[in-house]
Amino acid sequence: MGWNLFGLVKHHRGALSADPDHPVAKALASTLALRQPRMHEFDAAFTKNVGDTNPPFPFLTVGEYYNWASSDRSVKDIQVPFLAINSADDPVIASSPMNGGGNPNVVMVLTSRGGHLGWFHKKQGSKMDRWTTKPVIEWLELMGKEVVHEKSKATAVYMDENGYLKEMDRVHLGCKDTEGDGAAG
């Protein structure tokens, strides 16, 4: 992954260096000096410095950046049923909070293999598919059909300024009608 990101930076170095005073342009020289960087090396040279132009960026170390970007700090605050599937051989995620941060809404799954967003397997014929599709659909069906939720009083529904339908007492949740059938093309 580091090598692929390095290739993108190299390919777009002209645009990335257009404003020599911009943090991206300043990080470019040290990034382009890397030779076949792994993800950690790329992040240490580039991402920790230019992930955003506002604080908390830049970070002093890549470790500080990884700590800030980690979901470990926020998983405890999840308020709805949540399934996380992680892989022990993920080159990006060093560890997963397998106790879900102590949050009863969180179910953590750890597979021995799968890489980063991988879990490919061969379906009938020669088509490759992601193994995670089936357990995610099963989880969603379980949550939708079998999990008993507290009955709450009906609340008014409204559409917010971004077109999301929301309930008055659950403004952190919403849905929005979009174009298309959702199929990848």
Protein backbone atom coordinates (compact mmCIF):
# COMPACT_ATOMS: atom_id res chain seq x y z
CA MET A 1 0.00 0.00 0.00
CA GLY A 2 2.83 2.39 0.78
CA TRP A 3 4.33 1.76 -2.63
CA ASN A 4 0.98 2.41 -4.34
CA LEU A 5 0.47 5.69 -2.46
CA PHE A 6 4.05 6.66 -3.28
CA GLY A 7 3.25 6.05 -6.96
CA LEU A 8 0.24 8.37 -6.75
CA VAL A 9 2.30 11.12 -5.15
CA LYS A 10 5.05 10.67 -7.74
CA HIS A 11 2.54 10.74 -10.61
CA HIS A 12 0.90 13.95 -9.30
CA ARG A 13 4.05 15.68 -8.04
CA GLY A 14 3.53 18.61 -10.42
CA ALA A 15 0.13 19.49 -9.01
CA LEU A 16 1.21 18.69 -5.45
CA SER A 17 4.15 21.09 -5.66
CA ALA A 18 2.28 23.96 -7.38
CA ASP A 19 2.21 26.04 -4.17
CA PRO A 20 5.69 25.74 -2.61
CA ASP A 21 4.43 27.15 0.70
CA HIS A 22 1.71 24.51 1.10
CA PRO A 23 2.42 21.69 3.61
CA VAL A 24 1.96 19.07 0.86
CA ALA A 25 4.68 20.67 -1.29
CA LYS A 26 6.96 20.86 1.74
CA ALA A 27 6.51 17.14 2.48
CA LEU A 28 7.01 16.16 -1.15
CA ALA A 29 10.83 16.12 -1.27
CA SER A 30 11.27 13.75 1.69
CA THR A 31 8.47 11.55 0.39
CA LEU A 32 9.91 11.28 -3.12
CA ALA A 33 13.32 10.41 -1.62
CA LEU A 34 11.85 7.15 -0.30
CA ARG A 35 12.69 3.92 -2.13
CA GLN A 36 9.91 1.33 -2.29
CA PRO A 37 8.28 2.51 0.95
CA ARG A 38 6.05 0.38 3.08
CA MET A 39 2.91 1.98 4.51
CA HIS A 40 4.58 3.03 7.78
CA GLU A 41 7.43 4.77 5.91
CA PHE A 42 5.02 6.58 3.60
CA ASP A 43 2.87 7.73 6.52
CA ALA A 44 5.96 8.91 8.43
CA ALA A 45 7.12 11.03 5.49
CA PHE A 46 3.80 12.23 4.11
CA THR A 47 0.50 11.44 5.83
CA LYS A 48 1.43 12.50 9.37
CA ASN A 49 2.38 15.88 7.97
CA VAL A 50 -0.35 16.60 5.45
CA GLY A 51 -3.46 14.60 6.30
CA ASP A 52 -5.12 17.98 6.83
CA THR A 53 -4.03 21.59 6.91
CA ASN A 54 -5.63 22.13 10.33
CA PRO A 55 -4.66 20.88 13.77
CA PRO A 56 -3.98 18.26 14.92
CA PHE A 57 -1.86 18.01 11.74
CA PRO A 58 1.10 17.89 11.47
CA PHE A 59 1.98 15.22 14.01
CA LEU A 60 5.47 14.95 15.50
CA THR A 61 5.63 11.19 14.89
CA VAL A 62 3.79 8.65 12.80
CA GLY A 63 2.92 6.86 16.06
CA GLU A 64 1.05 9.95 17.27
CA TYR A 65 -0.81 10.07 13.95
CA TYR A 66 -1.75 6.38 14.20
CA ASN A 67 -2.97 6.86 17.77
CA TRP A 68 -5.12 9.84 16.72
CA ALA A 69 -6.57 7.99 13.70
CA SER A 70 -7.34 4.79 15.62
CA SER A 71 -10.94 3.77 16.21
CA ASP A 72 -9.92 2.51 19.68
CA ARG A 73 -10.86 5.90 21.15
CA SER A 74 -14.36 6.08 19.61
CA VAL A 75 -15.67 2.51 19.58
CA LYS A 76 -16.83 2.87 23.19
CA ASP A 77 -19.25 5.62 22.11
CA ILE A 78 -21.13 3.66 19.40
CA GLN A 79 -24.84 3.75 20.24
CA VAL A 80 -26.30 1.27 17.72
CA PRO A 81 -25.55 -2.40 16.96
CA PHE A 82 -22.19 -2.47 15.20
CA LEU A 83 -20.23 -5.28 13.55
CA ALA A 84 -16.51 -4.90 12.91
CA ILE A 85 -14.63 -7.55 10.93
CA ASN A 86 -10.86 -7.36 11.21
CA SER A 87 -8.02 -9.52 10.00
CA ALA A 88 -5.00 -10.57 12.07
CA ASP A 89 -2.76 -10.17 8.99
CA ASP A 90 -3.95 -6.62 8.16
CA PRO A 91 -0.79 -4.64 7.35
CA VAL A 92 -2.46 -1.33 8.30
CA ILE A 93 -4.27 -2.16 11.55
CA ALA A 94 -1.77 -3.14 14.24
CA SER A 95 -4.39 -4.24 16.78
CA SER A 96 -8.15 -4.34 17.20
CA PRO A 97 -10.00 -3.68 20.47
CA MET A 98 -11.52 -7.17 20.57
CA ASN A 99 -13.61 -6.29 23.62
CA GLY A 100 -15.30 -3.57 21.56
CA GLY A 101 -14.12 -0.97 24.00
CA GLY A 102 -16.41 -2.58 26.58
CA ASN A 103 -19.39 -1.47 24.51
CA PRO A 104 -22.28 -3.99 24.45
CA ASN A 105 -23.42 -2.63 21.05
CA VAL A 106 -20.18 -3.72 19.41
CA VAL A 107 -19.37 -7.18 18.07
CA MET A 108 -15.77 -7.67 16.98
CA VAL A 109 -14.72 -10.47 14.62
CA LEU A 110 -11.08 -11.34 13.98
CA THR A 111 -10.17 -13.64 11.11
CA SER A 112 -6.69 -15.14 10.80
CA ARG A 113 -6.33 -14.00 7.17
CA GLY A 114 -7.87 -11.35 4.97
CA GLY A 115 -5.35 -8.56 4.67
CA HIS A 116 -6.57 -4.98 4.55
CA LEU A 117 -10.15 -4.94 3.24
CA GLY A 118 -9.57 -8.28 1.59
CA TRP A 119 -11.20 -11.61 2.40
CA PHE A 120 -11.48 -12.64 -1.23
CA HIS A 121 -12.63 -16.13 -2.11
CA LYS A 122 -13.50 -17.86 -5.33
CA LYS A 123 -17.18 -18.31 -6.09
CA GLN A 124 -18.61 -20.73 -8.61
CA GLY A 125 -16.76 -20.49 -11.87
CA SER A 126 -13.81 -18.12 -11.79
CA LYS A 127 -15.42 -15.04 -10.23
CA MET A 128 -13.75 -13.67 -7.10
CA ASP A 129 -15.96 -12.37 -4.30
CA ARG A 130 -15.52 -11.05 -0.79
CA TRP A 131 -16.09 -13.57 2.00
CA THR A 132 -17.48 -10.80 4.23
CA THR A 133 -20.64 -10.30 2.15
CA LYS A 134 -22.46 -13.28 3.67
CA PRO A 135 -21.74 -12.57 7.37
CA VAL A 136 -22.55 -8.87 6.95
CA ILE A 137 -25.91 -9.68 5.34
CA GLU A 138 -26.62 -12.25 8.06
CA TRP A 139 -25.77 -9.65 10.74
CA LEU A 140 -28.06 -7.06 9.15
CA GLU A 141 -30.91 -9.59 8.90
CA LEU A 142 -30.43 -10.56 12.54
CA MET A 143 -30.46 -6.94 13.68
CA GLY A 144 -33.53 -6.18 11.55
CA LYS A 145 -35.60 -9.25 12.43
CA GLU A 146 -34.50 -10.80 15.70
CA VAL A 147 -33.02 -8.19 17.99
CA VAL A 148 -35.66 -6.79 20.29
CA HIS A 149 -35.47 -3.03 20.60
CA GLU A 150 -37.13 -0.97 23.26
CA LYS A 151 -40.36 0.46 21.99
CA SER A 152 -40.06 4.19 21.87
CA LYS A 153 -42.76 6.74 21.47
CA ALA A 154 -43.31 7.81 17.89
CA THR A 155 -41.53 11.05 17.22
CA ALA A 156 -41.86 13.63 14.53
CA VAL A 157 -39.85 13.04 11.39
CA TYR A 158 -38.29 15.93 9.51
CA MET A 159 -35.88 16.51 6.64
CA ASP A 160 -32.69 18.33 7.57
CA GLU A 161 -30.85 20.90 5.44
CA ASN A 162 -28.87 18.12 3.69
CA GLY A 163 -31.94 16.12 2.66
CA TYR A 164 -31.71 13.46 5.40
CA LEU A 165 -34.89 12.14 7.04
CA LYS A 166 -34.44 12.19 10.81
CA GLU A 167 -36.45 11.64 13.98
CA MET A 168 -36.59 14.52 16.44
CA ASP A 169 -35.21 12.43 19.32
CA ARG A 170 -32.51 10.64 17.26
CA VAL A 171 -30.88 13.38 15.19
CA HIS A 172 -27.60 11.42 15.01
CA LEU A 173 -29.32 8.87 12.71
CA GLY A 174 -30.90 9.50 9.32
CA CYS A 175 -31.43 8.25 5.82
CA LYS A 176 -31.44 9.84 2.41
CA ASP A 177 -32.86 8.74 -0.93
CA THR A 178 -30.15 8.60 -3.60
CA GLU A 179 -30.15 7.98 -7.32
CA GLY A 180 -29.24 4.59 -8.75
CA ASP A 181 -29.91 1.04 -7.65
CA GLY A 182 -26.83 0.71 -5.47
CA ALA A 183 -25.20 -1.82 -7.80
CA ALA A 184 -21.51 -1.39 -8.43
CA GLY A 185 -20.78 -0.69 -12.03
